[in-house]
Amino acid sequence: MFLQLGHTKLDAYAVTRQFVKECYVAVTQFPNEEKFILTQQIKRAALSVHLNLAEGSSRKSDTERKRYYEIARGSIIEVDAAFDVALDLGYCSTDSLSTLGEILVKCFKYLSALINSIKIN
């Protein structure tokens, strides 16, 4: 927000930021009894995607940077799996998650590209 560093100019940064917002919006339709369980897990994992991208971008070592990006991508998979459970429980519908799904796939592709661009000897 205040530091205008290189990672804020990445397309992946903008998309992961949008991903967090969409996840936060999507879980508002969950029942109240999920407020501190599945809802919080999805929020934490979504935020982890964005924050690990940012932190990884600040690392000087290719190995460290790649690891942070891999953690971010793992959190995307975690969110995807959590929404599978939410669908099974009837907390949301595939239609209501269509925009989120598109953004999730886009985040996964951006992070995969960043990971694959780092060649470690």
PDB file of N, CA and C in Angstrom:
ATOM      1  N   MET A   1       0.817  -1.186   0.000  1.00  0.00           N
ATOM      2  CA  MET A   1       0.000   0.000   0.000  1.00  0.00           C
ATOM      3  C   MET A   1       0.870   1.262   0.000  1.00  0.00           C
ATOM      4  N   PHE A   2       1.796   1.311   0.929  1.00  0.00           N
ATOM      5  CA  PHE A   2       2.634   2.501   1.027  1.00  0.00           C
ATOM      6  C   PHE A   2       3.956   2.324   0.285  1.00  0.00           C
ATOM      7  N   LEU A   3       4.476   1.100   0.308  1.00  0.00           N
ATOM      8  CA  LEU A   3       5.718   0.810  -0.400  1.00  0.00           C
ATOM      9  C   LEU A   3       5.384   0.437  -1.839  1.00  0.00           C
ATOM     10  N   GLN A   4       5.812   1.225  -2.751  1.00  0.00           N
ATOM     11  CA  GLN A   4       5.558   0.932  -4.168  1.00  0.00           C
ATOM     12  C   GLN A   4       6.729   0.126  -4.722  1.00  0.00           C
ATOM     13  N   LEU A   5       6.800  -1.125  -4.289  1.00  0.00           N
ATOM     14  CA  LEU A   5       7.888  -2.010  -4.702  1.00  0.00           C
ATOM     15  C   LEU A   5       7.488  -2.770  -5.958  1.00  0.00           C
ATOM     16  N   GLY A   6       8.447  -3.475  -6.525  1.00  0.00           N
ATOM     17  CA  GLY A   6       8.253  -4.169  -7.792  1.00  0.00           C
ATOM     18  C   GLY A   6       7.087  -5.148  -7.821  1.00  0.00           C
ATOM     19  N   HIS A   7       6.854  -5.845  -6.716  1.00  0.00           N
ATOM     20  CA  HIS A   7       5.795  -6.860  -6.727  1.00  0.00           C
ATOM     21  C   HIS A   7       4.404  -6.248  -6.911  1.00  0.00           C
ATOM     22  N   THR A   8       4.228  -4.988  -6.544  1.00  0.00           N
ATOM     23  CA  THR A   8       2.916  -4.361  -6.679  1.00  0.00           C
ATOM     24  C   THR A   8       2.569  -4.090  -8.147  1.00  0.00           C
ATOM     25  N   LYS A   9       3.573  -4.188  -9.007  1.00  0.00           N
ATOM     26  CA  LYS A   9       3.336  -3.980 -10.432  1.00  0.00           C
ATOM     27  C   LYS A   9       3.076  -5.287 -11.184  1.00  0.00           C
ATOM     28  N   LEU A  10       3.227  -6.407 -10.489  1.00  0.00           N
ATOM     29  CA  LEU A  10       2.975  -7.707 -11.116  1.00  0.00           C
ATOM     30  C   LEU A  10       1.484  -7.914 -11.348  1.00  0.00           C
ATOM     31  N   ASP A  11       1.139  -8.492 -12.496  1.00  0.00           N
ATOM     32  CA  ASP A  11      -0.256  -8.861 -12.746  1.00  0.00           C
ATOM     33  C   ASP A  11      -0.740  -9.836 -11.671  1.00  0.00           C
ATOM     34  N   ALA A  12       0.143 -10.729 -11.261  1.00  0.00           N
ATOM     35  CA  ALA A  12      -0.215 -11.714 -10.238  1.00  0.00           C
ATOM     36  C   ALA A  12      -0.625 -11.035  -8.936  1.00  0.00           C
ATOM     37  N   TYR A  13       0.007  -9.934  -8.607  1.00  0.00           N
ATOM     38  CA  TYR A  13      -0.317  -9.218  -7.376  1.00  0.00           C
ATOM     39  C   TYR A  13      -1.743  -8.695  -7.418  1.00  0.00           C
ATOM     40  N   ALA A  14      -2.118  -8.090  -8.536  1.00  0.00           N
ATOM     41  CA  ALA A  14      -3.484  -7.561  -8.680  1.00  0.00           C
ATOM     42  C   ALA A  14      -4.516  -8.687  -8.637  1.00  0.00           C
ATOM     43  N   VAL A  15      -4.204  -9.800  -9.273  1.00  0.00           N
ATOM     44  CA  VAL A  15      -5.147 -10.912  -9.323  1.00  0.00           C
ATOM     45  C   VAL A  15      -5.285 -11.582  -7.959  1.00  0.00           C
ATOM     46  N   THR A  16      -4.189 -11.761  -7.239  1.00  0.00           N
ATOM     47  CA  THR A  16      -4.297 -12.382  -5.915  1.00  0.00           C
ATOM     48  C   THR A  16      -5.030 -11.462  -4.935  1.00  0.00           C
ATOM     49  N   ARG A  17      -4.869 -10.180  -5.125  1.00  0.00           N
ATOM     50  CA  ARG A  17      -5.598  -9.219  -4.282  1.00  0.00           C
ATOM     51  C   ARG A  17      -7.106  -9.328  -4.535  1.00  0.00           C
ATOM     52  N   GLN A  18      -7.468  -9.445  -5.792  1.00  0.00           N
ATOM     53  CA  GLN A  18      -8.868  -9.630  -6.157  1.00  0.00           C
ATOM     54  C   GLN A  18      -9.393 -10.975  -5.640  1.00  0.00           C
ATOM     55  N   PHE A  19      -8.543 -11.980  -5.671  1.00  0.00           N
ATOM     56  CA  PHE A  19      -8.894 -13.316  -5.174  1.00  0.00           C
ATOM     57  C   PHE A  19      -9.281 -13.264  -3.691  1.00  0.00           C
ATOM     58  N   VAL A  20      -8.492 -12.556  -2.903  1.00  0.00           N
ATOM     59  CA  VAL A  20      -8.791 -12.418  -1.470  1.00  0.00           C
ATOM     60  C   VAL A  20     -10.171 -11.790  -1.286  1.00  0.00           C
ATOM     61  N   LYS A  21     -10.411 -10.720  -2.009  1.00  0.00           N
ATOM     62  CA  LYS A  21     -11.694 -10.025  -1.894  1.00  0.00           C
ATOM     63  C   LYS A  21     -12.857 -10.958  -2.259  1.00  0.00           C
ATOM     64  N   GLU A  22     -12.732 -11.682  -3.360  1.00  0.00           N
ATOM     65  CA  GLU A  22     -13.800 -12.592  -3.798  1.00  0.00           C
ATOM     66  C   GLU A  22     -14.048 -13.704  -2.783  1.00  0.00           C
ATOM     67  N   CYS A  23     -12.993 -14.199  -2.167  1.00  0.00           N
ATOM     68  CA  CYS A  23     -13.153 -15.239  -1.138  1.00  0.00           C
ATOM     69  C   CYS A  23     -13.892 -14.680   0.071  1.00  0.00           C
ATOM     70  N   TYR A  24     -13.510 -13.491   0.504  1.00  0.00           N
ATOM     71  CA  TYR A  24     -14.175 -12.866   1.643  1.00  0.00           C
ATOM     72  C   TYR A  24     -15.658 -12.646   1.357  1.00  0.00           C
ATOM     73  N   VAL A  25     -15.976 -12.236   0.136  1.00  0.00           N
ATOM     74  CA  VAL A  25     -17.373 -12.024  -0.242  1.00  0.00           C
ATOM     75  C   VAL A  25     -18.117 -13.359  -0.304  1.00  0.00           C
ATOM     76  N   ALA A  26     -17.492 -14.363  -0.881  1.00  0.00           N
ATOM     77  CA  ALA A  26     -18.148 -15.664  -1.061  1.00  0.00           C
ATOM     78  C   ALA A  26     -18.553 -16.306   0.257  1.00  0.00           C
ATOM     79  N   VAL A  27     -17.732 -16.165   1.281  1.00  0.00           N
ATOM     80  CA  VAL A  27     -18.045 -16.838   2.547  1.00  0.00           C
ATOM     81  C   VAL A  27     -19.126 -16.124   3.353  1.00  0.00           C
ATOM     82  N   THR A  28     -19.524 -14.940   2.924  1.00  0.00           N
ATOM     83  CA  THR A  28     -20.594 -14.238   3.651  1.00  0.00           C
ATOM     84  C   THR A  28     -21.920 -14.981   3.547  1.00  0.00           C
ATOM     85  N   GLN A  29     -22.055 -15.843   2.544  1.00  0.00           N
ATOM     86  CA  GLN A  29     -23.288 -16.618   2.395  1.00  0.00           C
ATOM     87  C   GLN A  29     -23.296 -17.900   3.239  1.00  0.00           C
ATOM     88  N   PHE A  30     -22.188 -18.215   3.872  1.00  0.00           N
ATOM     89  CA  PHE A  30     -22.123 -19.411   4.717  1.00  0.00           C
ATOM     90  C   PHE A  30     -22.946 -19.197   5.982  1.00  0.00           C
ATOM     91  N   PRO A  31     -23.442 -20.286   6.571  1.00  0.00           N
ATOM     92  CA  PRO A  31     -24.215 -20.141   7.813  1.00  0.00           C
ATOM     93  C   PRO A  31     -23.343 -19.646   8.976  1.00  0.00           C
ATOM     94  N   ASN A  32     -23.993 -19.049   9.950  1.00  0.00           N
ATOM     95  CA  ASN A  32     -23.272 -18.488  11.102  1.00  0.00           C
ATOM     96  C   ASN A  32     -22.436 -19.512  11.853  1.00  0.00           C
ATOM     97  N   GLU A  33     -22.893 -20.762  11.902  1.00  0.00           N
ATOM     98  CA  GLU A  33     -22.117 -21.762  12.655  1.00  0.00           C
ATOM     99  C   GLU A  33     -20.765 -22.058  11.999  1.00  0.00           C
ATOM    100  N   GLU A  34     -20.573 -21.623  10.756  1.00  0.00           N
ATOM    101  CA  GLU A  34     -19.288 -21.805  10.079  1.00  0.00           C
ATOM    102  C   GLU A  34     -18.383 -20.586  10.202  1.00  0.00           C
ATOM    103  N   LYS A  35     -18.857 -19.575  10.910  1.00  0.00           N
ATOM    104  CA  LYS A  35     -18.133 -18.314  11.017  1.00  0.00           C
ATOM    105  C   LYS A  35     -16.690 -18.495  11.507  1.00  0.00           C
ATOM    106  N   PHE A  36     -16.468 -19.425  12.415  1.00  0.00           N
ATOM    107  CA  PHE A  36     -15.133 -19.584  12.991  1.00  0.00           C
ATOM    108  C   PHE A  36     -14.448 -20.868  12.554  1.00  0.00           C
ATOM    109  N   ILE A  37     -15.020 -21.556  11.575  1.00  0.00           N
ATOM    110  CA  ILE A  37     -14.419 -22.810  11.127  1.00  0.00           C
ATOM    111  C   ILE A  37     -14.033 -22.683   9.657  1.00  0.00           C
ATOM    112  N   LEU A  38     -14.899 -23.123   8.762  1.00  0.00           N
ATOM    113  CA  LEU A  38     -14.595 -23.110   7.335  1.00  0.00           C
ATOM    114  C   LEU A  38     -14.397 -21.695   6.802  1.00  0.00           C
ATOM    115  N   THR A  39     -15.214 -20.774   7.251  1.00  0.00           N
ATOM    116  CA  THR A  39     -15.093 -19.382   6.803  1.00  0.00           C
ATOM    117  C   THR A  39     -13.714 -18.827   7.119  1.00  0.00           C
ATOM    118  N   GLN A  40     -13.263 -19.004   8.340  1.00  0.00           N
ATOM    119  CA  GLN A  40     -11.960 -18.472   8.745  1.00  0.00           C
ATOM    120  C   GLN A  40     -10.823 -19.177   8.018  1.00  0.00           C
ATOM    121  N   GLN A  41     -10.965 -20.477   7.788  1.00  0.00           N
ATOM    122  CA  GLN A  41      -9.919 -21.224   7.086  1.00  0.00           C
ATOM    123  C   GLN A  41      -9.764 -20.703   5.654  1.00  0.00           C
ATOM    124  N   ILE A  42     -10.886 -20.463   4.990  1.00  0.00           N
ATOM    125  CA  ILE A  42     -10.843 -19.941   3.623  1.00  0.00           C
ATOM    126  C   ILE A  42     -10.232 -18.543   3.611  1.00  0.00           C
ATOM    127  N   LYS A  43     -10.634 -17.702   4.538  1.00  0.00           N
ATOM    128  CA  LYS A  43     -10.075 -16.350   4.599  1.00  0.00           C
ATOM    129  C   LYS A  43      -8.570 -16.381   4.839  1.00  0.00           C
ATOM    130  N   ARG A  44      -8.127 -17.223   5.770  1.00  0.00           N
ATOM    131  CA  ARG A  44      -6.689 -17.310   6.072  1.00  0.00           C
ATOM    132  C   ARG A  44      -5.904 -17.807   4.858  1.00  0.00           C
ATOM    133  N   ALA A  45      -6.426 -18.842   4.205  1.00  0.00           N
ATOM    134  CA  ALA A  45      -5.723 -19.407   3.056  1.00  0.00           C
ATOM    135  C   ALA A  45      -5.682 -18.409   1.900  1.00  0.00           C
ATOM    136  N   ALA A  46      -6.791 -17.719   1.659  1.00  0.00           N
ATOM    137  CA  ALA A  46      -6.829 -16.728   0.573  1.00  0.00           C
ATOM    138  C   ALA A  46      -5.845 -15.592   0.846  1.00  0.00           C
ATOM    139  N   LEU A  47      -5.834 -15.118   2.068  1.00  0.00           N
ATOM    140  CA  LEU A  47      -4.906 -14.053   2.439  1.00  0.00           C
ATOM    141  C   LEU A  47      -3.460 -14.533   2.312  1.00  0.00           C
ATOM    142  N   SER A  48      -3.228 -15.788   2.642  1.00  0.00           N
ATOM    143  CA  SER A  48      -1.900 -16.379   2.525  1.00  0.00           C
ATOM    144  C   SER A  48      -1.391 -16.348   1.086  1.00  0.00           C
ATOM    145  N   VAL A  49      -2.286 -16.531   0.128  1.00  0.00           N
ATOM    146  CA  VAL A  49      -1.888 -16.475  -1.279  1.00  0.00           C
ATOM    147  C   VAL A  49      -1.275 -15.103  -1.577  1.00  0.00           C
ATOM    148  N   HIS A  50      -1.998 -14.067  -1.240  1.00  0.00           N
ATOM    149  CA  HIS A  50      -1.561 -12.700  -1.541  1.00  0.00           C
ATOM    150  C   HIS A  50      -0.303 -12.315  -0.760  1.00  0.00           C
ATOM    151  N   LEU A  51      -0.300 -12.632   0.515  1.00  0.00           N
ATOM    152  CA  LEU A  51       0.825 -12.227   1.357  1.00  0.00           C
ATOM    153  C   LEU A  51       2.107 -12.991   1.043  1.00  0.00           C
ATOM    154  N   ASN A  52       1.996 -14.279   0.710  1.00  0.00           N
ATOM    155  CA  ASN A  52       3.194 -15.039   0.351  1.00  0.00           C
ATOM    156  C   ASN A  52       3.758 -14.609  -0.993  1.00  0.00           C
ATOM    157  N   LEU A  53       2.885 -14.199  -1.908  1.00  0.00           N
ATOM    158  CA  LEU A  53       3.377 -13.636  -3.171  1.00  0.00           C
ATOM    159  C   LEU A  53       4.185 -12.373  -2.876  1.00  0.00           C
ATOM    160  N   ALA A  54       3.637 -11.502  -2.052  1.00  0.00           N
ATOM    161  CA  ALA A  54       4.323 -10.251  -1.719  1.00  0.00           C
ATOM    162  C   ALA A  54       5.646 -10.521  -1.002  1.00  0.00           C
ATOM    163  N   GLU A  55       5.597 -11.373   0.018  1.00  0.00           N
ATOM    164  CA  GLU A  55       6.824 -11.634   0.772  1.00  0.00           C
ATOM    165  C   GLU A  55       7.869 -12.347  -0.074  1.00  0.00           C
ATOM    166  N   GLY A  56       7.412 -13.302  -0.872  1.00  0.00           N
ATOM    167  CA  GLY A  56       8.348 -14.016  -1.741  1.00  0.00           C
ATOM    168  C   GLY A  56       9.042 -13.092  -2.725  1.00  0.00           C
ATOM    169  N   SER A  57       8.310 -12.121  -3.210  1.00  0.00           N
ATOM    170  CA  SER A  57       8.881 -11.177  -4.174  1.00  0.00           C
ATOM    171  C   SER A  57      10.008 -10.345  -3.578  1.00  0.00           C
ATOM    172  N   SER A  58      10.016 -10.217  -2.261  1.00  0.00           N
ATOM    173  CA  SER A  58      11.056  -9.425  -1.605  1.00  0.00           C
ATOM    174  C   SER A  58      12.330 -10.224  -1.332  1.00  0.00           C
ATOM    175  N   ARG A  59      12.278 -11.524  -1.537  1.00  0.00           N
ATOM    176  CA  ARG A  59      13.432 -12.369  -1.241  1.00  0.00           C
ATOM    177  C   ARG A  59      14.478 -12.274  -2.343  1.00  0.00           C
ATOM    178  N   LYS A  60      15.723 -12.203  -1.942  1.00  0.00           N
ATOM    179  CA  LYS A  60      16.822 -12.095  -2.910  1.00  0.00           C
ATOM    180  C   LYS A  60      17.210 -13.466  -3.480  1.00  0.00           C
ATOM    181  N   SER A  61      17.052 -14.492  -2.686  1.00  0.00           N
ATOM    182  CA  SER A  61      17.424 -15.838  -3.107  1.00  0.00           C
ATOM    183  C   SER A  61      16.321 -16.445  -3.982  1.00  0.00           C
ATOM    184  N   ASP A  62      16.714 -16.981  -5.138  1.00  0.00           N
ATOM    185  CA  ASP A  62      15.748 -17.652  -6.009  1.00  0.00           C
ATOM    186  C   ASP A  62      15.065 -18.811  -5.293  1.00  0.00           C
ATOM    187  N   THR A  63      15.813 -19.541  -4.502  1.00  0.00           N
ATOM    188  CA  THR A  63      15.254 -20.686  -3.780  1.00  0.00           C
ATOM    189  C   THR A  63      14.170 -20.237  -2.808  1.00  0.00           C
ATOM    190  N   GLU A  64      14.455 -19.186  -2.051  1.00  0.00           N
ATOM    191  CA  GLU A  64      13.466 -18.663  -1.103  1.00  0.00           C
ATOM    192  C   GLU A  64      12.246 -18.112  -1.822  1.00  0.00           C
ATOM    193  N   ARG A  65      12.485 -17.335  -2.878  1.00  0.00           N
ATOM    194  CA  ARG A  65      11.379 -16.735  -3.627  1.00  0.00           C
ATOM    195  C   ARG A  65      10.457 -17.822  -4.180  1.00  0.00           C
ATOM    196  N   LYS A  66      11.065 -18.838  -4.766  1.00  0.00           N
ATOM    197  CA  LYS A  66      10.283 -19.938  -5.332  1.00  0.00           C
ATOM    198  C   LYS A  66       9.468 -20.641  -4.257  1.00  0.00           C
ATOM    199  N   ARG A  67      10.057 -20.822  -3.097  1.00  0.00           N
ATOM    200  CA  ARG A  67       9.360 -21.505  -1.992  1.00  0.00           C
ATOM    201  C   ARG A  67       8.124 -20.714  -1.556  1.00  0.00           C
ATOM    202  N   TYR A  68       8.240 -19.412  -1.436  1.00  0.00           N
ATOM    203  CA  TYR A  68       7.081 -18.586  -1.059  1.00  0.00           C
ATOM    204  C   TYR A  68       5.982 -18.677  -2.117  1.00  0.00           C
ATOM    205  N   TYR A  69       6.389 -18.663  -3.383  1.00  0.00           N
ATOM    206  CA  TYR A  69       5.397 -18.780  -4.454  1.00  0.00           C
ATOM    207  C   TYR A  69       4.716 -20.154  -4.412  1.00  0.00           C
ATOM    208  N   GLU A  70       5.492 -21.185  -4.069  1.00  0.00           N
ATOM    209  CA  GLU A  70       4.905 -22.526  -3.955  1.00  0.00           C
ATOM    210  C   GLU A  70       3.919 -22.600  -2.792  1.00  0.00           C
ATOM    211  N   ILE A  71       4.227 -21.939  -1.702  1.00  0.00           N
ATOM    212  CA  ILE A  71       3.311 -21.889  -0.562  1.00  0.00           C
ATOM    213  C   ILE A  71       2.027 -21.164  -0.966  1.00  0.00           C
ATOM    214  N   ALA A  72       2.170 -20.062  -1.690  1.00  0.00           N
ATOM    215  CA  ALA A  72       1.005 -19.314  -2.170  1.00  0.00           C
ATOM    216  C   ALA A  72       0.137 -20.197  -3.063  1.00  0.00           C
ATOM    217  N   ARG A  73       0.770 -20.924  -3.974  1.00  0.00           N
ATOM    218  CA  ARG A  73       0.014 -21.803  -4.869  1.00  0.00           C
ATOM    219  C   ARG A  73      -0.659 -22.936  -4.085  1.00  0.00           C
ATOM    220  N   GLY A  74       0.011 -23.432  -3.066  1.00  0.00           N
ATOM    221  CA  GLY A  74      -0.589 -24.455  -2.208  1.00  0.00           C
ATOM    222  C   GLY A  74      -1.830 -23.934  -1.497  1.00  0.00           C
ATOM    223  N   SER A  75      -1.804 -22.676  -1.117  1.00  0.00           N
ATOM    224  CA  SER A  75      -2.967 -22.077  -0.458  1.00  0.00           C
ATOM    225  C   SER A  75      -4.141 -21.926  -1.420  1.00  0.00           C
ATOM    226  N   ILE A  76      -3.851 -21.723  -2.696  1.00  0.00           N
ATOM    227  CA  ILE A  76      -4.927 -21.689  -3.692  1.00  0.00           C
ATOM    228  C   ILE A  76      -5.610 -23.056  -3.753  1.00  0.00           C
ATOM    229  N   ILE A  77      -4.810 -24.098  -3.738  1.00  0.00           N
ATOM    230  CA  ILE A  77      -5.358 -25.462  -3.763  1.00  0.00           C
ATOM    231  C   ILE A  77      -6.177 -25.721  -2.501  1.00  0.00           C
ATOM    232  N   GLU A  78      -5.718 -25.198  -1.376  1.00  0.00           N
ATOM    233  CA  GLU A  78      -6.452 -25.328  -0.118  1.00  0.00           C
ATOM    234  C   GLU A  78      -7.820 -24.646  -0.208  1.00  0.00           C
ATOM    235  N   VAL A  79      -7.863 -23.451  -0.758  1.00  0.00           N
ATOM    236  CA  VAL A  79      -9.136 -22.737  -0.918  1.00  0.00           C
ATOM    237  C   VAL A  79     -10.064 -23.515  -1.841  1.00  0.00           C
ATOM    238  N   ASP A  80      -9.530 -24.033  -2.931  1.00  0.00           N
ATOM    239  CA  ASP A  80     -10.325 -24.812  -3.871  1.00  0.00           C
ATOM    240  C   ASP A  80     -10.950 -26.029  -3.172  1.00  0.00           C
ATOM    241  N   ALA A  81     -10.160 -26.717  -2.381  1.00  0.00           N
ATOM    242  CA  ALA A  81     -10.660 -27.889  -1.649  1.00  0.00           C
ATOM    243  C   ALA A  81     -11.705 -27.490  -0.607  1.00  0.00           C
ATOM    244  N   ALA A  82     -11.504 -26.360   0.043  1.00  0.00           N
ATOM    245  CA  ALA A  82     -12.462 -25.884   1.045  1.00  0.00           C
ATOM    246  C   ALA A  82     -13.808 -25.563   0.405  1.00  0.00           C
ATOM    247  N   PHE A  83     -13.773 -24.979  -0.788  1.00  0.00           N
ATOM    248  CA  PHE A  83     -15.028 -24.689  -1.472  1.00  0.00           C
ATOM    249  C   PHE A  83     -15.699 -25.962  -1.981  1.00  0.00           C
ATOM    250  N   ASP A  84     -14.925 -27.014  -2.249  1.00  0.00           N
ATOM    251  CA  ASP A  84     -15.532 -28.326  -2.554  1.00  0.00           C
ATOM    252  C   ASP A  84     -16.397 -28.772  -1.380  1.00  0.00           C
ATOM    253  N   VAL A  85     -15.859 -28.652  -0.181  1.00  0.00           N
ATOM    254  CA  VAL A  85     -16.589 -29.032   1.025  1.00  0.00           C
ATOM    255  C   VAL A  85     -17.815 -28.137   1.211  1.00  0.00           C
ATOM    256  N   ALA A  86     -17.638 -26.838   1.010  1.00  0.00           N
ATOM    257  CA  ALA A  86     -18.752 -25.895   1.149  1.00  0.00           C
ATOM    258  C   ALA A  86     -19.879 -26.230   0.163  1.00  0.00           C
ATOM    259  N   LEU A  87     -19.515 -26.621  -1.040  1.00  0.00           N
ATOM    260  CA  LEU A  87     -20.519 -27.036  -2.028  1.00  0.00           C
ATOM    261  C   LEU A  87     -21.242 -28.292  -1.559  1.00  0.00           C
ATOM    262  N   ASP A  88     -20.472 -29.267  -1.073  1.00  0.00           N
ATOM    263  CA  ASP A  88     -21.061 -30.518  -0.577  1.00  0.00           C
ATOM    264  C   ASP A  88     -22.045 -30.272   0.562  1.00  0.00           C
ATOM    265  N   LEU A  89     -21.756 -29.271   1.379  1.00  0.00           N
ATOM    266  CA  LEU A  89     -22.610 -28.961   2.527  1.00  0.00           C
ATOM    267  C   LEU A  89     -23.770 -28.024   2.172  1.00  0.00           C
ATOM    268  N   GLY A  90     -23.798 -27.578   0.916  1.00  0.00           N
ATOM    269  CA  GLY A  90     -24.878 -26.709   0.464  1.00  0.00           C
ATOM    270  C   GLY A  90     -24.744 -25.262   0.906  1.00  0.00           C
ATOM    271  N   TYR A  91     -23.533 -24.832   1.252  1.00  0.00           N
ATOM    272  CA  TYR A  91     -23.311 -23.461   1.706  1.00  0.00           C
ATOM    273  C   TYR A  91     -23.238 -22.471   0.549  1.00  0.00           C
ATOM    274  N   CYS A  92     -23.001 -22.981  -0.654  1.00  0.00           N
ATOM    275  CA  CYS A  92     -22.886 -22.136  -1.835  1.00  0.00           C
ATOM    276  C   CYS A  92     -23.202 -22.988  -3.058  1.00  0.00           C
ATOM    277  N   SER A  93     -23.241 -22.336  -4.200  1.00  0.00           N
ATOM    278  CA  SER A  93     -23.507 -23.065  -5.440  1.00  0.00           C
ATOM    279  C   SER A  93     -22.392 -22.779  -6.443  1.00  0.00           C
ATOM    280  N   THR A  94     -22.282 -23.641  -7.426  1.00  0.00           N
ATOM    281  CA  THR A  94     -21.264 -23.434  -8.454  1.00  0.00           C
ATOM    282  C   THR A  94     -21.512 -22.120  -9.177  1.00  0.00           C
ATOM    283  N   ASP A  95     -22.779 -21.799  -9.401  1.00  0.00           N
ATOM    284  CA  ASP A  95     -23.108 -20.530 -10.068  1.00  0.00           C
ATOM    285  C   ASP A  95     -22.634 -19.329  -9.262  1.00  0.00           C
ATOM    286  N   SER A  96     -22.844 -19.380  -7.948  1.00  0.00           N
ATOM    287  CA  SER A  96     -22.451 -18.245  -7.106  1.00  0.00           C
ATOM    288  C   SER A  96     -20.931 -18.099  -7.003  1.00  0.00           C
ATOM    289  N   LEU A  97     -20.204 -19.153  -7.373  1.00  0.00           N
ATOM    290  CA  LEU A  97     -18.745 -19.125  -7.281  1.00  0.00           C
ATOM    291  C   LEU A  97     -18.066 -18.988  -8.643  1.00  0.00           C
ATOM    292  N   SER A  98     -18.823 -18.703  -9.692  1.00  0.00           N
ATOM    293  CA  SER A  98     -18.228 -18.699 -11.036  1.00  0.00           C
ATOM    294  C   SER A  98     -17.117 -17.653 -11.180  1.00  0.00           C
ATOM    295  N   THR A  99     -17.350 -16.442 -10.703  1.00  0.00           N
ATOM    296  CA  THR A  99     -16.316 -15.400 -10.792  1.00  0.00           C
ATOM    297  C   THR A  99     -15.102 -15.786  -9.951  1.00  0.00           C
ATOM    298  N   LEU A 100     -15.369 -16.276  -8.745  1.00  0.00           N
ATOM    299  CA  LEU A 100     -14.275 -16.713  -7.873  1.00  0.00           C
ATOM    300  C   LEU A 100     -13.477 -17.825  -8.549  1.00  0.00           C
ATOM    301  N   GLY A 101     -14.157 -18.760  -9.178  1.00  0.00           N
ATOM    302  CA  GLY A 101     -13.476 -19.866  -9.854  1.00  0.00           C
ATOM    303  C   GLY A 101     -12.560 -19.389 -10.958  1.00  0.00           C
ATOM    304  N   GLU A 102     -13.016 -18.423 -11.733  1.00  0.00           N
ATOM    305  CA  GLU A 102     -12.189 -17.866 -12.810  1.00  0.00           C
ATOM    306  C   GLU A 102     -10.939 -17.197 -12.244  1.00  0.00           C
ATOM    307  N   ILE A 103     -11.112 -16.452 -11.182  1.00  0.00           N
ATOM    308  CA  ILE A 103      -9.975 -15.759 -10.564  1.00  0.00           C
ATOM    309  C   ILE A 103      -9.023 -16.762  -9.927  1.00  0.00           C
ATOM    310  N   LEU A 104      -9.563 -17.800  -9.305  1.00  0.00           N
ATOM    311  CA  LEU A 104      -8.734 -18.837  -8.693  1.00  0.00           C
ATOM    312  C   LEU A 104      -7.841 -19.491  -9.739  1.00  0.00           C
ATOM    313  N   VAL A 105      -8.421 -19.855 -10.872  1.00  0.00           N
ATOM    314  CA  VAL A 105      -7.639 -20.476 -11.947  1.00  0.00           C
ATOM    315  C   VAL A 105      -6.568 -19.516 -12.458  1.00  0.00           C
ATOM    316  N   LYS A 106      -6.926 -18.256 -12.592  1.00  0.00           N
ATOM    317  CA  LYS A 106      -5.968 -17.244 -13.057  1.00  0.00           C
ATOM    318  C   LYS A 106      -4.801 -17.115 -12.065  1.00  0.00           C
ATOM    319  N   CYS A 107      -5.113 -17.080 -10.771  1.00  0.00           N
ATOM    320  CA  CYS A 107      -4.054 -17.011  -9.741  1.00  0.00           C
ATOM    321  C   CYS A 107      -3.134 -18.220  -9.840  1.00  0.00           C
ATOM    322  N   PHE A 108      -3.735 -19.385  -9.982  1.00  0.00           N
ATOM    323  CA  PHE A 108      -2.951 -20.619 -10.077  1.00  0.00           C
ATOM    324  C   PHE A 108      -1.998 -20.545 -11.265  1.00  0.00           C
ATOM    325  N   LYS A 109      -2.486 -20.077 -12.402  1.00  0.00           N
ATOM    326  CA  LYS A 109      -1.648 -19.984 -13.604  1.00  0.00           C
ATOM    327  C   LYS A 109      -0.527 -18.965 -13.431  1.00  0.00           C
ATOM    328  N   TYR A 110      -0.842 -17.803 -12.864  1.00  0.00           N
ATOM    329  CA  TYR A 110       0.188 -16.781 -12.646  1.00  0.00           C
ATOM    330  C   TYR A 110       1.274 -17.297 -11.704  1.00  0.00           C
ATOM    331  N   LEU A 111       0.857 -17.912 -10.618  1.00  0.00           N
ATOM    332  CA  LEU A 111       1.855 -18.411  -9.663  1.00  0.00           C
ATOM    333  C   LEU A 111       2.668 -19.559 -10.257  1.00  0.00           C
ATOM    334  N   SER A 112       2.018 -20.420 -11.014  1.00  0.00           N
ATOM    335  CA  SER A 112       2.754 -21.509 -11.670  1.00  0.00           C
ATOM    336  C   SER A 112       3.796 -20.949 -12.631  1.00  0.00           C
ATOM    337  N   ALA A 113       3.425 -19.907 -13.367  1.00  0.00           N
ATOM    338  CA  ALA A 113       4.371 -19.277 -14.290  1.00  0.00           C
ATOM    339  C   ALA A 113       5.548 -18.657 -13.531  1.00  0.00           C
ATOM    340  N   LEU A 114       5.262 -17.994 -12.412  1.00  0.00           N
ATOM    341  CA  LEU A 114       6.343 -17.410 -11.609  1.00  0.00           C
ATOM    342  C   LEU A 114       7.260 -18.510 -11.076  1.00  0.00           C
ATOM    343  N   ILE A 115       6.684 -19.595 -10.600  1.00  0.00           N
ATOM    344  CA  ILE A 115       7.470 -20.711 -10.073  1.00  0.00           C
ATOM    345  C   ILE A 115       8.343 -21.301 -11.171  1.00  0.00           C
ATOM    346  N   ASN A 116       7.735 -21.527 -12.328  1.00  0.00           N
ATOM    347  CA  ASN A 116       8.480 -22.138 -13.445  1.00  0.00           C
ATOM    348  C   ASN A 116       9.533 -21.224 -14.034  1.00  0.00           C
ATOM    349  N   SER A 117       9.401 -19.933 -13.809  1.00  0.00           N
ATOM    350  CA  SER A 117      10.401 -18.986 -14.347  1.00  0.00           C
ATOM    351  C   SER A 117      11.682 -18.972 -13.536  1.00  0.00           C
ATOM    352  N   ILE A 118      11.621 -19.533 -12.340  1.00  0.00           N
ATOM    353  CA  ILE A 118      12.794 -19.545 -11.464  1.00  0.00           C
ATOM    354  C   ILE A 118      13.521 -20.872 -11.637  1.00  0.00           C
ATOM    355  N   LYS A 119      14.666 -20.795 -12.225  1.00  0.00           N
ATOM    356  CA  LYS A 119      15.498 -21.987 -12.454  1.00  0.00           C
ATOM    357  C   LYS A 119      16.580 -22.038 -11.372  1.00  0.00           C
ATOM    358  N   ILE A 120      16.526 -23.090 -10.587  1.00  0.00           N
ATOM    359  CA  ILE A 120      17.501 -23.250  -9.499  1.00  0.00           C
ATOM    360  C   ILE A 120      18.501 -24.321  -9.913  1.00  0.00           C
ATOM    361  N   ASN A 121      19.789 -23.969  -9.830  1.00  0.00           N
ATOM    362  CA  ASN A 121      20.844 -24.909 -10.236  1.00  0.00           C
ATOM    363  C   ASN A 121      21.156 -25.903  -9.165  1.00  0.00           C
TER     364      ASN A 121
END
